[in-house]
Amino acid sequence: MDADLLAPGSVHWEVGNALSAMLKRARASASQVDRALAAYGQIPLRFIDVDLQVALEVAADHGLYAYDAYVIACAIGQRAPVLSLDRGLLHAAKAAGVERVEIPR
C-alpha cells in the first residue's frame, strides 16, 4: 500500500515533549532518546498547515486539547484518515466523522 503521511507541524513539539518527559521521569536514557529521535527523523512526514478555526471548533465540540484537535483538523482539511495508536484520538476522530486507520496491537 502506497500512502503519504501527513501531519500538523505540532507533531515535532509533541515528539519533543514526549521524549523530554521520558528523560525527566528516567524512563529512557539520553542514548535511547537520541535513537528514538533519529528514527522519528526517518519517517517521511509532510507537514500541513492547520486551519486554527477548524481546530478550535473540533476542540470545543469534542472536549480535546489543541494538539489532538490539530491532528483531526489536518485530516479534515486534507480529506485523509487519522492514523494513531491513541485510542482517545481515534474515538474523537470517529465522533468528528473522520475516517481512521487503526493499528492492531
Protein backbone atom coordinates (compact mmCIF):
# COMPACT_ATOMS: atom_id res chain seq x y z
CA MET A 1 0.00 0.00 0.00
CA ASP A 2 1.40 3.37 -1.03
CA ALA A 3 0.48 6.32 1.18
CA ASP A 4 1.58 9.81 2.07
CA LEU A 5 1.98 10.55 5.77
CA LEU A 6 0.63 13.99 6.65
CA ALA A 7 0.82 15.73 10.00
CA PRO A 8 0.35 19.14 11.54
CA GLY A 9 3.62 20.90 12.39
CA SER A 10 2.80 20.49 16.07
CA VAL A 11 3.86 16.85 15.83
CA HIS A 12 7.50 17.95 16.22
CA TRP A 13 6.69 19.57 19.56
CA GLU A 14 4.66 16.59 20.70
CA VAL A 15 7.54 14.24 19.93
CA GLY A 16 9.95 16.55 21.74
CA ASN A 17 7.63 16.78 24.73
CA ALA A 18 7.21 13.01 24.93
CA LEU A 19 10.95 12.39 24.70
CA SER A 20 11.80 15.05 27.28
CA ALA A 21 9.17 13.61 29.62
CA MET A 22 10.78 10.17 29.26
CA LEU A 23 14.14 11.68 30.20
CA LYS A 24 12.70 13.62 33.13
CA ARG A 25 10.96 10.52 34.52
CA ALA A 26 14.05 8.36 33.91
CA ARG A 27 12.07 6.09 31.57
CA ALA A 28 14.71 6.45 28.87
CA SER A 29 18.39 7.25 28.72
CA ALA A 30 19.84 10.04 26.62
CA SER A 31 21.15 7.49 24.11
CA GLN A 32 17.69 5.87 23.84
CA VAL A 33 16.13 9.27 23.24
CA ASP A 34 18.78 10.01 20.60
CA ARG A 35 17.92 6.75 18.82
CA ALA A 36 14.19 7.47 19.03
CA LEU A 37 14.72 10.95 17.63
CA ALA A 38 16.83 9.55 14.79
CA ALA A 39 14.10 7.01 13.99
CA TYR A 40 11.47 9.76 14.05
CA GLY A 41 13.62 11.77 11.64
CA GLN A 42 13.45 8.89 9.15
CA ILE A 43 9.64 9.00 8.92
CA PRO A 44 8.71 10.70 5.63
CA LEU A 45 6.14 13.14 7.03
CA ARG A 46 4.70 16.00 5.02
CA PHE A 47 3.76 18.82 7.36
CA ILE A 48 0.49 20.61 6.76
CA ASP A 49 -0.69 24.00 7.97
CA VAL A 50 -3.85 23.56 10.02
CA ASP A 51 -6.86 25.85 9.92
CA LEU A 52 -6.86 27.15 13.50
CA GLN A 53 -10.59 27.94 13.39
CA VAL A 54 -11.40 24.35 12.41
CA ALA A 55 -9.05 23.02 15.09
CA LEU A 56 -10.65 25.14 17.81
CA GLU A 57 -14.13 24.07 16.70
CA VAL A 58 -13.04 20.42 16.84
CA ALA A 59 -11.51 21.00 20.29
CA ALA A 60 -14.70 22.65 21.58
CA ASP A 61 -17.05 20.10 20.03
CA HIS A 62 -15.15 17.07 21.31
CA GLY A 63 -13.51 18.29 24.52
CA LEU A 64 -9.98 17.96 23.16
CA TYR A 65 -6.70 19.67 23.81
CA ALA A 66 -5.40 21.64 20.86
CA TYR A 67 -2.72 19.12 19.87
CA ASP A 68 -5.27 16.36 19.28
CA ALA A 69 -7.60 18.81 17.55
CA TYR A 70 -4.77 19.82 15.19
CA VAL A 71 -4.42 16.21 14.04
CA ILE A 72 -8.15 15.91 13.37
CA ALA A 73 -8.28 19.33 11.66
CA CYS A 74 -5.36 18.24 9.47
CA ALA A 75 -7.28 15.11 8.49
CA ILE A 76 -10.43 17.13 7.78
CA GLY A 77 -8.57 19.67 5.66
CA GLN A 78 -6.74 17.02 3.66
CA ARG A 79 -9.70 14.59 3.48
CA ALA A 80 -7.40 11.96 4.91
CA PRO A 81 -7.82 9.34 7.62
CA VAL A 82 -6.22 9.59 11.04
CA LEU A 83 -3.54 7.02 11.85
CA SER A 84 -2.80 6.74 15.56
CA LEU A 85 -2.13 4.42 18.46
CA ASP A 86 -4.02 6.85 20.71
CA ARG A 87 -7.45 5.31 21.30
CA GLY A 88 -8.83 8.61 22.60
CA LEU A 89 -7.75 10.44 19.48
CA LEU A 90 -9.25 7.72 17.28
CA HIS A 91 -12.53 7.92 19.21
CA ALA A 92 -12.63 11.72 18.79
CA ALA A 93 -11.82 11.40 15.08
CA LYS A 94 -14.72 8.97 14.68
CA ALA A 95 -17.04 11.36 16.54
CA ALA A 96 -15.88 14.16 14.20
CA GLY A 97 -16.73 12.00 11.18
CA VAL A 98 -13.12 11.41 10.18
CA GLU A 99 -12.01 8.04 8.82
CA ARG A 100 -9.48 6.21 10.98
CA VAL A 101 -6.74 3.69 10.36
CA GLU A 102 -6.36 1.56 13.45
CA ILE A 103 -3.13 -0.29 14.10
CA PRO A 104 -3.69 -3.72 15.65
CA ARG A 105 -1.84 -4.21 18.90
